Protein backbone atom coordinates (compact mmCIF):
# COMPACT_ATOMS: atom_id res chain seq x y z
CA MET A 1 45.20 52.68 59.10
CA GLU A 2 48.96 53.24 59.15
CA ARG A 3 50.90 50.27 58.07
CA ILE A 4 52.56 49.45 61.53
CA TRP A 5 52.92 45.75 60.76
CA LEU A 6 55.62 46.38 58.14
CA GLU A 7 58.16 46.83 61.13
CA HIS A 8 57.54 43.34 62.23
CA TYR A 9 57.76 41.74 58.89
CA PRO A 10 59.90 38.60 58.66
CA PRO A 11 63.42 39.40 57.16
CA GLY A 12 63.29 39.48 53.42
CA VAL A 13 59.63 39.89 53.06
CA PRO A 14 58.87 43.23 50.81
CA ALA A 15 56.13 45.92 51.70
CA ASP A 16 54.85 45.82 48.29
CA ILE A 17 54.64 43.30 45.40
CA ALA A 18 53.55 45.47 42.52
CA ASP A 19 56.80 45.21 40.65
CA GLU A 20 56.81 41.42 41.08
CA ALA A 21 53.25 41.09 39.94
CA ALA A 22 54.00 42.99 36.77
CA ARG A 23 56.40 40.23 35.86
CA TYR A 24 53.34 38.03 35.07
CA GLU A 25 50.59 39.29 32.56
CA SER A 26 48.41 36.67 33.52
CA LEU A 27 48.23 33.16 35.30
CA VAL A 28 49.23 31.74 32.09
CA SER A 29 52.45 33.66 32.15
CA VAL A 30 53.02 32.24 35.88
CA LEU A 31 52.70 28.67 34.30
CA GLU A 32 54.84 29.13 31.39
CA GLN A 33 57.74 30.81 33.21
CA SER A 34 57.58 27.76 35.86
CA CYS A 35 57.39 25.14 33.33
CA THR A 36 60.48 26.73 31.46
CA ALA A 37 62.42 26.91 34.63
CA PHE A 38 61.59 23.46 36.08
CA GLY A 39 60.75 21.35 33.02
CA ALA A 40 62.37 17.97 34.02
CA LYS A 41 61.07 18.31 37.65
CA THR A 42 57.91 16.47 38.88
CA ALA A 43 55.12 18.85 39.26
CA TYR A 44 52.57 16.39 40.57
CA HIS A 45 52.40 13.20 42.14
CA SER A 46 49.24 11.05 42.46
CA MET A 47 48.62 7.47 43.39
CA GLY A 48 52.16 6.36 42.23
CA ALA A 49 52.09 8.34 38.82
CA THR A 50 53.85 11.60 38.22
CA LEU A 51 53.62 14.67 35.99
CA SER A 52 56.68 16.67 35.16
CA TYR A 53 56.49 20.45 34.59
CA ALA A 54 57.30 19.63 30.77
CA GLU A 55 54.46 17.27 30.71
CA LEU A 56 52.20 19.67 32.42
CA ASP A 57 53.02 22.44 30.01
CA ALA A 58 52.51 20.05 27.02
CA GLN A 59 49.19 18.50 28.09
CA SER A 60 47.70 21.70 29.40
CA MET A 61 48.43 23.28 26.00
CA ARG A 62 46.97 20.23 24.34
CA PHE A 63 43.74 20.54 26.33
CA ALA A 64 43.63 24.38 25.74
CA ALA A 65 43.84 23.72 21.82
CA TRP A 66 40.98 21.23 22.07
CA LEU A 67 38.60 23.78 24.04
CA GLN A 68 39.59 26.17 21.32
CA SER A 69 38.75 23.81 18.62
CA ARG A 70 35.32 23.51 20.10
CA GLY A 71 34.81 27.34 20.02
CA ILE A 72 35.59 27.69 23.79
CA GLY A 73 37.82 30.83 24.28
CA LYS A 74 38.26 34.05 26.06
CA GLY A 75 35.50 34.71 28.64
CA ASP A 76 33.55 31.52 28.29
CA ARG A 77 32.96 29.60 31.49
CA VAL A 78 34.27 25.93 32.02
CA ALA A 79 33.38 23.94 34.90
CA LEU A 80 35.68 21.33 36.74
CA MET A 81 34.05 18.73 38.96
CA MET A 82 36.82 16.35 40.24
CA PRO A 83 38.76 15.67 43.32
CA ASN A 84 42.58 15.86 43.39
CA LEU A 85 43.69 14.07 40.30
CA LEU A 86 46.46 14.45 37.67
CA GLN A 87 43.62 15.58 35.26
CA TYR A 88 42.89 18.63 37.54
CA PRO A 89 45.82 20.66 36.95
CA VAL A 90 45.95 19.69 33.25
CA CYS A 91 42.45 20.83 32.73
CA LEU A 92 42.74 23.97 35.04
CA PHE A 93 45.51 25.41 33.21
CA GLY A 94 44.26 24.20 29.80
CA ILE A 95 41.22 26.21 30.63
CA LEU A 96 43.18 29.33 31.59
CA ARG A 97 45.55 28.94 28.63
CA ALA A 98 42.43 28.89 26.32
CA GLY A 99 41.43 32.34 27.83
CA ALA A 100 38.37 30.71 29.40
CA VAL A 101 37.24 31.16 33.08
CA ALA A 102 37.36 28.12 35.34
CA VAL A 103 34.38 27.37 37.61
CA ASN A 104 35.51 25.16 40.34
CA THR A 105 32.65 22.85 41.40
CA ASN A 106 32.49 20.70 44.54
CA PRO A 107 32.10 17.19 43.43
CA LEU A 108 29.97 16.55 46.65
CA TYR A 109 27.27 19.01 45.37
CA THR A 110 23.61 17.94 45.31
CA PRO A 111 21.94 18.03 41.83
CA ALA A 112 20.08 21.20 42.87
CA GLU A 113 23.41 22.89 44.05
CA LEU A 114 25.01 21.81 40.67
CA GLU A 115 21.98 23.01 38.66
CA HIS A 116 22.27 26.46 40.34
CA GLN A 117 26.10 26.83 39.75
CA MET A 118 25.90 25.75 36.10
CA ASN A 119 23.03 28.12 35.19
CA ASP A 120 24.37 30.87 37.31
CA SER A 121 27.85 30.82 35.81
CA GLY A 122 26.62 29.92 32.26
CA ALA A 123 29.16 27.30 31.93
CA ARG A 124 29.58 25.95 28.48
CA CYS A 125 31.50 23.00 29.25
CA ILE A 126 32.10 20.70 32.19
CA ILE A 127 34.80 18.05 33.03
CA VAL A 128 33.51 15.70 35.60
CA ALA A 129 35.04 12.77 37.20
CA GLU A 130 32.71 9.70 36.48
CA ASN A 131 32.18 9.05 40.29
CA PHE A 132 29.86 12.21 40.20
CA ALA A 133 28.47 11.94 36.76
CA HIS A 134 25.28 10.64 38.25
CA THR A 135 24.77 13.97 39.83
CA LEU A 136 25.21 15.72 36.67
CA GLN A 137 22.80 13.36 34.94
CA GLN A 138 19.98 14.34 37.55
CA ALA A 139 20.73 17.98 37.28
CA LEU A 140 21.27 18.17 33.57
CA PRO A 141 17.55 18.57 32.33
CA ASN A 142 17.58 21.89 34.12
CA ILE A 143 20.79 23.24 32.86
CA LYS A 144 20.46 25.64 29.98
CA THR A 145 23.94 26.51 28.86
CA LEU A 146 25.99 23.25 28.79
CA ASP A 147 26.94 21.96 25.30
CA THR A 148 30.04 19.95 26.07
CA ILE A 149 30.44 17.43 28.68
CA VAL A 150 33.85 15.46 29.40
CA VAL A 151 33.86 12.62 31.66
CA THR A 152 37.19 11.20 33.25
CA ALA A 153 38.04 8.31 35.46
CA LEU A 154 40.39 8.17 38.36
CA GLY A 155 42.85 6.17 36.40
CA ASP A 156 42.99 8.17 32.98
CA MET A 157 46.46 9.57 33.85
CA LEU A 158 48.00 6.71 35.90
CA GLY A 159 49.33 4.76 32.82
CA PRO A 160 47.78 1.84 30.85
CA VAL A 161 48.23 -0.83 33.49
CA LYS A 162 48.02 1.06 36.66
CA GLY A 163 45.06 3.15 35.40
CA MET A 164 42.97 0.13 34.35
CA LEU A 165 43.48 -1.55 37.76
CA ALA A 166 42.39 1.69 39.53
CA ASN A 167 39.32 2.10 37.32
CA LEU A 168 38.29 -1.53 37.93
CA VAL A 169 38.91 -1.13 41.65
CA ALA A 170 36.89 1.96 41.88
CA ARG A 171 33.95 0.72 39.64
CA HIS A 172 33.64 -3.04 40.72
CA VAL A 173 35.41 -3.52 44.09
CA LYS A 174 34.73 -0.04 45.90
CA LYS A 175 31.51 0.41 43.88
CA ALA A 176 32.47 4.27 43.83
CA VAL A 177 30.98 4.91 40.33
CA PRO A 178 27.33 5.07 40.54
CA HIS A 179 25.51 4.10 37.27
CA TYR A 180 24.91 7.08 35.04
CA SER A 181 23.62 7.85 31.61
CA LEU A 182 24.90 10.81 29.68
CA PRO A 183 24.57 10.29 25.83
CA GLY A 184 26.79 12.26 23.78
CA THR A 185 29.36 12.97 26.33
CA LEU A 186 33.22 12.60 25.46
CA ARG A 187 35.86 10.73 27.47
CA PHE A 188 38.95 12.61 28.74
CA ARG A 189 41.32 10.23 27.08
CA ASP A 190 39.64 10.38 23.67
CA VAL A 191 39.70 14.08 24.13
CA MET A 192 43.51 14.21 24.67
CA ARG A 193 43.90 12.09 21.67
CA GLN A 194 41.78 14.38 19.49
CA ALA A 195 43.68 17.36 20.64
CA GLU A 196 47.01 16.11 19.36
CA ASP A 197 46.43 17.69 15.71
CA LYS A 198 44.76 20.79 17.28
CA ARG A 199 46.33 24.13 16.81
CA TYR A 200 46.84 26.34 20.00
CA GLU A 201 46.55 30.06 19.67
CA ARG A 202 47.74 31.90 22.84
CA PRO A 203 45.08 34.58 23.86
CA VAL A 204 45.92 37.97 24.87
CA LEU A 205 45.23 38.24 28.77
CA ASN A 206 45.82 41.00 31.17
CA HIS A 207 45.18 41.44 34.88
CA GLY A 208 41.77 42.62 34.27
CA ASP A 209 40.45 39.61 32.69
CA LEU A 210 38.26 37.06 34.61
CA ALA A 211 40.12 33.90 35.57
CA PHE A 212 37.79 32.14 38.13
CA LEU A 213 34.22 32.15 39.08
CA GLN A 214 34.92 30.66 42.64
CA TYR A 215 31.45 30.08 44.32
CA THR A 216 30.90 30.73 48.22
CA GLY A 217 29.58 28.01 50.21
CA GLY A 218 26.04 29.36 50.24
CA THR A 219 25.44 28.36 54.01
CA THR A 220 23.76 31.80 54.52
CA GLY A 221 21.80 31.82 51.11
CA VAL A 222 22.21 30.83 47.48
CA ALA A 223 25.83 30.46 46.50
CA LYS A 224 27.33 33.50 44.74
CA GLY A 225 29.97 33.37 42.06
CA CYS A 226 32.97 35.34 43.33
CA MET A 227 34.86 36.98 40.28
CA LEU A 228 38.55 36.54 40.63
CA THR A 229 40.63 38.13 37.74
CA HIS A 230 43.99 37.08 36.57
CA GLY A 231 45.31 40.31 38.41
CA ASN A 232 43.78 39.12 41.71
CA MET A 233 45.28 35.80 41.58
CA VAL A 234 48.68 36.98 40.31
CA SER A 235 48.86 39.52 43.06
CA ASN A 236 47.94 36.90 45.73
CA VAL A 237 50.44 34.34 44.41
CA CYS A 238 53.08 37.03 44.69
CA GLN A 239 51.94 38.10 47.97
CA ALA A 240 52.05 34.61 49.37
CA HIS A 241 55.27 33.71 47.61
CA ALA A 242 56.99 36.60 48.99
CA TRP A 243 55.98 35.55 52.63
CA VAL A 244 57.27 31.84 52.09
CA LYS A 245 60.27 32.49 49.82
CA PRO A 246 62.71 33.33 52.78
CA TYR A 247 61.87 30.00 54.43
CA LEU A 248 61.84 27.63 51.27
CA THR A 249 64.27 27.01 48.52
CA ALA A 250 62.99 26.59 44.69
CA ASP A 251 63.29 23.35 42.99
CA THR A 252 63.63 21.38 46.34
CA GLU A 253 60.22 21.61 48.16
CA CYS A 254 57.57 18.80 48.35
CA ILE A 255 54.14 19.84 49.41
CA ILE A 256 51.34 17.43 50.63
CA THR A 257 48.04 18.53 49.36
CA ALA A 258 45.33 16.97 51.23
CA LEU A 259 42.71 19.84 50.79
CA PRO A 260 40.96 19.87 47.36
CA LEU A 261 42.40 21.85 44.76
CA TYR A 262 38.82 23.30 43.79
CA HIS A 263 38.91 25.14 47.16
CA ILE A 264 40.45 28.62 47.03
CA PHE A 265 42.93 27.84 49.88
CA ALA A 266 44.59 24.81 48.19
CA LEU A 267 44.05 26.44 44.66
CA THR A 268 46.28 29.48 45.52
CA ALA A 269 48.67 27.99 48.14
CA ASN A 270 49.32 24.64 46.86
CA CYS A 271 48.51 24.72 43.21
CA LEU A 272 49.95 28.09 42.27
CA VAL A 273 52.38 29.37 44.83
CA PHE A 274 54.21 26.09 44.79
CA ILE A 275 54.31 26.18 41.04
CA VAL A 276 56.47 29.34 41.16
CA LEU A 277 58.78 27.54 43.62
CA GLY A 278 58.92 24.56 41.12
CA ALA A 279 57.73 22.14 44.03
CA THR A 280 56.49 18.81 43.75
CA ASN A 281 52.83 18.64 44.61
CA VAL A 282 51.70 15.32 46.34
CA LEU A 283 47.89 15.07 45.53
CA ILE A 284 45.84 13.17 48.04
CA LEU A 285 42.53 11.71 46.59
CA ASN A 286 40.51 11.18 49.82
CA PRO A 287 41.58 13.16 52.73
CA ARG A 288 39.12 11.60 54.97
CA ASP A 289 41.04 8.34 54.90
CA ILE A 290 43.61 9.47 57.14
CA LYS A 291 45.44 6.09 57.51
CA SER A 292 46.01 6.27 53.76
CA VAL A 293 47.11 9.79 53.82
CA ILE A 294 49.71 9.14 56.37
CA LYS A 295 50.83 6.29 54.28
CA THR A 296 51.38 8.31 51.28
CA MET A 297 53.15 11.04 53.42
CA SER A 298 55.40 8.14 54.60
CA GLN A 299 56.77 7.66 50.92
CA HIS A 300 57.65 11.24 50.55
CA ARG A 301 60.21 13.70 52.14
CA PHE A 302 57.73 16.48 52.42
CA THR A 303 58.59 19.93 53.20
CA ALA A 304 55.29 21.53 53.56
CA ILE A 305 51.71 20.81 54.19
CA THR A 306 48.60 22.99 54.41
CA GLY A 307 45.24 22.13 56.12
CA VAL A 308 42.41 23.14 58.35
CA ASN A 309 42.24 22.58 62.24
CA THR A 310 40.09 19.47 61.90
CA LEU A 311 42.63 17.70 59.51
CA PHE A 312 45.52 18.45 61.71
CA ASN A 313 43.52 17.15 64.73
CA ALA A 314 42.78 13.89 62.63
CA PHE A 315 46.44 13.55 62.14
CA LEU A 316 47.33 13.91 65.79
CA ASN A 317 44.70 11.50 66.85
CA HIS A 318 46.00 8.69 64.41
CA PRO A 319 48.66 6.46 66.01
CA ASP A 320 50.55 6.14 62.65
CA PHE A 321 51.15 9.87 62.52
CA ALA A 322 53.89 9.88 65.14
CA ARG A 323 55.84 7.40 63.35
CA LEU A 324 56.50 9.81 60.15
CA ASP A 325 59.75 11.50 59.48
CA PHE A 326 59.38 15.16 60.03
CA SER A 327 63.11 16.13 59.46
CA SER A 328 62.26 17.83 56.17
CA LEU A 329 59.23 19.59 57.25
CA LYS A 330 59.69 23.42 57.02
CA LEU A 331 56.25 24.89 56.59
CA THR A 332 52.86 23.94 58.05
CA LEU A 333 50.21 26.44 57.23
CA GLY A 334 46.60 26.40 58.73
CA GLY A 335 43.66 28.26 57.34
CA GLY A 336 40.00 27.94 56.39
CA MET A 337 38.94 27.85 60.09
CA ALA A 338 40.52 28.93 63.32
CA VAL A 339 43.56 26.94 64.61
CA GLN A 340 43.07 25.90 68.12
CA LYS A 341 45.92 26.54 70.54
CA VAL A 342 45.68 22.87 71.81
CA ILE A 343 46.15 21.58 68.23
CA ALA A 344 48.84 23.99 67.43
CA ASP A 345 50.73 22.99 70.61
CA ARG A 346 50.44 19.28 69.94
CA TRP A 347 51.53 19.73 66.44
CA LEU A 348 54.69 21.45 67.63
CA ALA A 349 55.25 18.61 70.19
CA ALA A 350 54.72 15.82 67.63
CA THR A 351 56.57 17.29 64.58
CA GLY A 352 59.08 19.72 66.16
CA LYS A 353 57.75 22.38 63.67
CA PRO A 354 55.28 25.21 64.27
CA LEU A 355 51.94 25.32 62.76
CA ALA A 356 51.51 28.93 61.44
CA GLN A 357 48.04 30.23 61.12
CA ALA A 358 46.76 32.28 57.97
CA TYR A 359 43.64 34.12 57.29
CA GLY A 360 41.91 34.77 54.18
CA LEU A 361 38.42 34.47 52.04
CA THR A 362 37.21 33.53 48.59
CA GLU A 363 36.88 37.24 47.93
CA THR A 364 40.61 37.84 48.69
CA SER A 365 41.98 35.19 46.40
CA PRO A 366 42.33 34.13 49.42
CA ALA A 367 45.41 35.44 51.57
CA VAL A 368 44.98 38.47 53.75
CA THR A 369 47.24 37.70 56.76
CA ILE A 370 49.88 35.17 57.71
CA ASN A 371 51.95 34.54 60.68
CA PRO A 372 55.85 34.36 60.54
CA LEU A 373 56.45 30.73 59.60
CA ASP A 374 58.97 30.09 62.12
CA LYS A 375 57.10 31.55 65.21
CA GLU A 376 57.03 28.77 67.84
CA THR A 377 54.67 30.42 70.29
CA PHE A 378 51.01 30.18 69.18
CA THR A 379 49.38 33.26 70.42
CA GLY A 380 46.08 32.79 68.43
CA SER A 381 46.94 35.64 66.18
CA ILE A 382 46.00 35.28 62.41
CA GLY A 383 49.24 36.94 61.48
CA LEU A 384 50.23 40.18 59.82
CA PRO A 385 48.74 41.63 56.57
CA VAL A 386 50.50 40.32 53.53
CA PRO A 387 52.40 42.93 51.28
CA SER A 388 50.32 45.65 49.34
CA THR A 389 47.41 45.02 51.88
CA ASP A 390 45.64 47.71 53.97
CA ILE A 391 43.42 46.76 56.93
CA ALA A 392 40.63 48.71 58.62
CA PHE A 393 38.57 47.67 61.58
CA ARG A 394 35.02 49.27 61.39
CA ASP A 395 31.85 49.62 63.66
CA ASN A 396 28.28 48.98 62.70
CA ASP A 397 27.97 52.46 61.13
CA GLY A 398 31.18 51.93 58.96
CA LYS A 399 33.46 54.09 61.09
CA ASP A 400 36.99 53.03 61.86
CA VAL A 401 37.51 51.99 65.54
CA ALA A 402 40.64 52.71 67.43
CA ARG A 403 43.59 50.50 67.37
CA GLY A 404 43.13 47.53 69.85
CA GLU A 405 39.38 47.87 69.69
CA SER A 406 37.16 45.40 68.05
CA GLY A 407 35.41 45.84 64.71
CA GLU A 408 34.80 44.16 61.54
CA ILE A 409 37.92 43.37 59.58
CA CYS A 410 37.84 45.28 56.16
CA VAL A 411 40.62 44.61 53.49
CA LYS A 412 41.68 46.58 50.45
CA GLY A 413 44.40 45.22 48.08
CA PRO A 414 45.03 44.11 44.83
CA GLN A 415 43.85 40.49 45.71
CA VAL A 416 40.40 41.78 46.49
CA THR A 417 37.60 40.54 43.99
CA PRO A 418 35.93 43.27 41.97
CA GLY A 419 32.54 41.77 43.09
CA TYR A 420 29.98 38.92 42.62
CA TRP A 421 28.77 37.56 39.29
CA ASN A 422 25.71 39.11 38.05
CA ARG A 423 25.05 40.44 41.72
CA PRO A 424 25.95 44.25 41.67
CA GLU A 425 23.56 44.59 44.82
CA GLU A 426 25.49 41.84 46.73
CA THR A 427 28.82 43.63 45.68
CA HIS A 428 27.70 47.00 46.75
CA LYS A 429 26.82 45.71 49.92
CA THR A 430 30.25 43.89 50.57
CA ILE A 431 32.69 46.47 48.96
CA ASP A 432 32.61 50.10 50.08
CA ASP A 433 32.93 52.85 47.94
CA ASP A 434 36.58 53.37 48.95
CA GLY A 435 37.51 49.72 47.86
CA PHE A 436 37.42 48.02 51.44
CA LEU A 437 36.02 44.57 51.53
CA HIS A 438 33.81 43.86 54.64
CA THR A 439 34.69 40.35 55.69
CA GLY A 440 32.01 39.62 58.25
CA ASP A 441 34.63 38.61 60.62
CA ILE A 442 35.19 40.51 63.83
CA GLY A 443 38.82 41.26 65.27
CA TYR A 444 41.29 43.60 66.50
CA MET A 445 45.06 44.64 65.91
CA ASP A 446 47.56 45.02 68.58
CA GLU A 447 50.47 47.36 68.65
CA GLN A 448 52.73 45.26 66.73
CA GLY A 449 50.20 44.98 63.72
CA TYR A 450 49.31 41.39 64.59
CA ILE A 451 45.47 40.64 64.11
CA PHE A 452 43.46 38.72 66.13
CA ILE A 453 39.92 37.43 65.17
CA HIS A 454 36.99 36.76 67.53
CA ASP A 455 34.75 35.07 65.05
CA ARG A 456 32.27 35.42 62.38
CA LYS A 457 29.91 38.30 62.81
CA LYS A 458 27.01 36.04 62.00
CA ASP A 459 28.13 33.33 64.43
CA MET A 460 28.37 35.53 67.32
CA ILE A 461 26.16 34.72 70.29
CA LEU A 462 24.35 37.47 72.12
CA VAL A 463 23.82 36.45 76.04
CA SER A 464 21.98 38.86 77.91
CA GLY A 465 23.45 41.72 75.87
CA PHE A 466 27.14 40.31 76.02
CA ASN A 467 28.99 39.07 73.11
CA VAL A 468 30.05 35.56 73.08
CA TYR A 469 32.48 34.17 70.37
CA PRO A 470 32.24 30.40 69.52
CA ASN A 471 35.66 30.28 68.92
CA GLU A 472 36.78 31.11 72.35
CA VAL A 473 34.30 28.39 73.78
CA GLU A 474 35.42 25.87 71.51
CA ALA A 475 39.05 26.70 72.36
CA VAL A 476 38.38 25.99 76.14
CA ALA A 477 36.51 22.92 75.59
CA MET A 478 39.22 21.36 73.42
CA GLU A 479 41.62 21.78 76.39
CA HIS A 480 39.58 18.96 78.12
CA PRO A 481 41.77 15.74 77.69
CA ASP A 482 38.60 13.52 76.65
CA VAL A 483 37.25 15.90 74.02
CA LYS A 484 38.25 15.22 70.42
CA GLU A 485 36.15 17.95 68.55
CA VAL A 486 33.73 20.54 69.52
CA ALA A 487 31.49 23.11 67.90
CA ALA A 488 29.56 25.97 69.84
CA ILE A 489 26.37 27.75 68.65
CA GLY A 490 23.87 30.09 70.34
CA VAL A 491 20.24 28.81 71.05
CA PRO A 492 17.13 30.75 71.97
CA ASP A 493 16.53 31.34 75.70
CA THR A 494 13.63 33.00 77.24
CA HIS A 495 15.56 34.74 80.02
CA SER A 496 18.93 35.55 78.30
CA GLY A 497 17.98 35.85 74.56
CA GLU A 498 20.53 33.27 73.71
CA VAL A 499 22.65 30.63 75.67
CA VAL A 500 25.52 28.60 74.43
CA LYS A 501 25.12 25.12 73.06
CA LEU A 502 28.09 22.80 72.86
CA PHE A 503 28.33 19.84 70.31
CA VAL A 504 31.05 17.15 71.36
CA ILE A 505 32.97 14.37 70.00
CA ARG A 506 34.41 12.55 72.77
CA LYS A 507 37.54 10.39 72.91
CA ASN A 508 35.91 8.14 75.05
CA ASP A 509 32.66 7.80 76.96
CA ARG A 510 33.85 8.69 80.28
CA VAL A 511 33.36 12.45 80.27
CA THR A 512 30.07 13.82 81.05
CA ALA A 513 28.27 17.01 80.15
CA GLU A 514 28.20 18.15 83.73
CA GLU A 515 32.02 17.56 83.91
CA LEU A 516 32.55 19.60 80.57
CA ILE A 517 30.30 22.37 81.72
CA ALA A 518 32.46 22.61 85.08
CA HIS A 519 35.68 22.62 82.96
CA CYS A 520 34.40 25.32 80.91
CA ARG A 521 33.30 27.31 84.06
CA SER A 522 36.73 27.09 85.49
CA GLU A 523 38.15 28.98 82.33
CA LEU A 524 35.27 31.37 81.11
CA THR A 525 33.02 34.07 82.53
CA GLY A 526 29.69 32.83 83.43
CA TYR A 527 27.67 34.28 80.49
CA LYS A 528 30.09 32.24 78.21
CA VAL A 529 29.74 28.83 79.79
CA PRO A 530 27.74 26.35 77.67
CA LYS A 531 24.29 25.66 79.11
CA TYR A 532 23.74 22.66 76.85
CA VAL A 533 25.92 19.94 75.97
CA GLU A 534 25.18 17.34 73.26
CA PHE A 535 27.49 14.51 72.42
CA ARG A 536 27.80 13.15 68.94
CA ASP A 537 29.56 10.64 66.69
CA ASP A 538 30.40 13.46 64.02
CA LEU A 539 29.53 16.88 63.11
CA PRO A 540 28.23 18.56 59.88
CA ARG A 541 31.33 19.44 57.54
CA SER A 542 32.21 21.49 54.63
CA ASN A 543 34.06 20.01 51.60
CA VAL A 544 37.43 20.80 53.49
CA GLY A 545 36.33 19.42 56.73
CA LYS A 546 35.29 22.66 58.40
CA VAL A 547 32.40 22.23 61.00
CA LEU A 548 29.17 23.94 59.69
CA ARG A 549 27.72 25.80 62.60
CA ARG A 550 24.90 26.82 60.39
CA GLU A 551 23.46 23.42 59.96
CA LEU A 552 23.78 22.89 63.73
CA LYS A 553 21.86 26.03 64.41
CA ASP A 554 19.17 25.01 61.67
CA GLU A 555 18.80 21.59 63.73
CA ALA A 556 18.66 23.56 67.01
CA LYS A 557 15.69 25.59 65.48
CA GLN A 558 13.94 22.50 64.59
CA GLU A 559 14.29 21.28 68.18
CA GLN A 560 12.72 24.41 69.51
CA GLY A 561 15.90 26.14 70.19
CA GLY A 562 17.07 26.05 73.68
CA THR A 563 15.00 23.02 74.99
CA PRO A 564 17.33 19.93 75.25
CA ALA A 565 16.72 17.33 72.80
CA GLU A 566 16.18 13.88 73.51
CA ALA A 567 19.41 11.85 74.27
CA GLY A 568 20.19 9.18 71.73
CA PRO A 569 22.73 6.52 71.51
CA ALA A 570 25.58 9.05 70.69
CA SER A 571 23.86 12.00 72.54
CA GLU A 572 23.73 13.05 76.05
CA GLU A 573 22.36 16.45 77.19
CA GLY A 574 23.40 18.39 80.28
CA ALA A 575 21.94 21.77 81.68
CA SER A 576 24.27 24.02 83.74
CA SER A 577 22.86 25.40 87.18
């Protein structure tokens, strides 16, 4: 497809980033250059403690030297299982500097999920926060390759007094560290002391070397390890940096990182792109504690924040949020799930700054498209393709559709994964012979090159032969003033094949199912109107807060599809006429 979008790029954004990416032979080069340029500046802030770029440089090199002293080097997989702590960037960059491959691991995994990821990746070493060591204990008997386990505590890098207090509170007051027994494990602080006399040898790395095994969520089957090379990641860092650079100033930015760094969105956008900018990264330990997050935000003149729609919604629904000072805010970037217009409009009204929507996947490192960051009118577009990226829209037969017509979004560019770890058949199904990755998302492009996404292909609801996209139904339902959050799925129906079922979290008990259905009917064509409404106190979510429709579908199947479930204390069912 012709790159018509280039004519509508923000001023200063290049069409190609090949020359910029060539400046960095690997992510190690990205770190080294930033630490040299911004040595005295604070790189990370967490729980009142800070880590400068010079300290990040020294401590990550020390950890790399320790890994090498254990015989862990180029190509070996090392797992990280922790929330947003100062230890995370130290260990992450230490792994990369040793030439090893980082395997980001969700701390909320079940023992079975952890067992699968460790065995599938062949990880030799894991660094785990002690809060989740009990999960590793349960999985360990069936894990075949681990020979080194490092356990870290929340306070390990907060200083002697503050660190001790943080650990005491976590262990004995909040009871956040379940009992575990892992004989032979090493403590992170001991490891860093042992590393003081270890010699570091810089490995030879290039764009073709593997940097990450980033596991997909596994909501449609067994989680797959997506291979991301140093070239993939360097390219996406340069693509995203080129996009934000006209709006931001090096050495002056401060970003709030509420999303977990082990998630691909925060990993690239917050951890890597803002390293290039020499920014201060404020790490949020528990993003679900909205009151605490807002308190932390009030202590910083933050200029940027990334998040998902549910996080922004939670902020807007908290009374303390409006009291924050937004005068320094330059960039709010939403991704990971669709940003709803009602949330974007409320964000602009509350902060005076727009909420820009971006789009990407684990398989694309992740950025594919980003909206101009100063565009105040929210159109629902996921933006323009980032530099050096090609986009195609294809039908079920793999043929390109005409511009403006809907098709599966397919992506080609230097940020696209070479494939899935030890899964050549899955790779072949996902990546064409011509190098285009099939995203599984349905969308279209307008005449200016802006892309609009309907929904995930697998989430599409088929009502009497007509396509219904959950995002559209959810966006309409969210416009009701008494609705806090929604999710739409398709459930079986004897007459139309499927019908729409809506799950709703209410702001109050006044709104009824019939009222919501009437509201949707006023905005949607008849076949798109929900037939069932169920009120709930919460919805199943991923590690970044994204609502998991797949789990709702599984529940609906157990309840015999389209038949209304029994109304419980937090549930009220209504059927449209």
